[in-house]
Amino acid sequence: MATTTAHPRLTTGTLGTQTVALPSGPEAPSHARRAAVAFLHRTRPALDPERDGDVLLVVSELVTNAVRHAPGGPRALTLTTTADTLDIAVTDHSCLPPAPRAPDLTDGTGGLGLHIAEDLGARVFTEPLPGGKCVHAAFDAEVSGAAGQGTVADDVLDGPSRAVTRFDEVQPS
């Protein structure tokens, strides 16, 4: 597993940030989506408003992953926007990084969430935290939404060095 030592905190120019505690059960994704809708309307990030559906889908997928795979479920959703980036961050109680897997298209058991986020142009990465982790999906305002086009400018990532695992660097086992 490859790592990079960039901290996923957004730099100066923050237009808005919101953190909401999430319930641990199946109601967490809808709770997170409602919070994201309010945040998008209040802060209007630099993303095209037509991308709001993409943002809500990624919020739902990340939170659903925490509900399904992290003991104790999700802790919180944090949304942060700058002039050129929107960061979706979901913290949970598991120290294990997400394990990408081949999507199950027959039994409906998942495997699509992280792939969907990247296909929509988000850069997905994981930040280890004491007693858990934070999974980020960051959208750059210039992302067109085409598969494989999404990156976050390296100068958006700064701060103290921490090990961050990028989803696209993880080799499926």
Foldseek 3Di string as FASTA:
>chain_A
DDWDFWALAFDPQWQDKDKDFAQLAPCRLVVQLVVLVVVCVVRVELADPVCNVVVSLLSSLVQVCQSPPAVSGWTMWMWIHGNWKIKTKIKHQAQDDDAQDDADPDPPPGNCNVVSLQQQQWWWKWFGDVRTIMIMTMATRPAPRHHPRHDDPPVRTHDGTGIMGTPVVDDHD
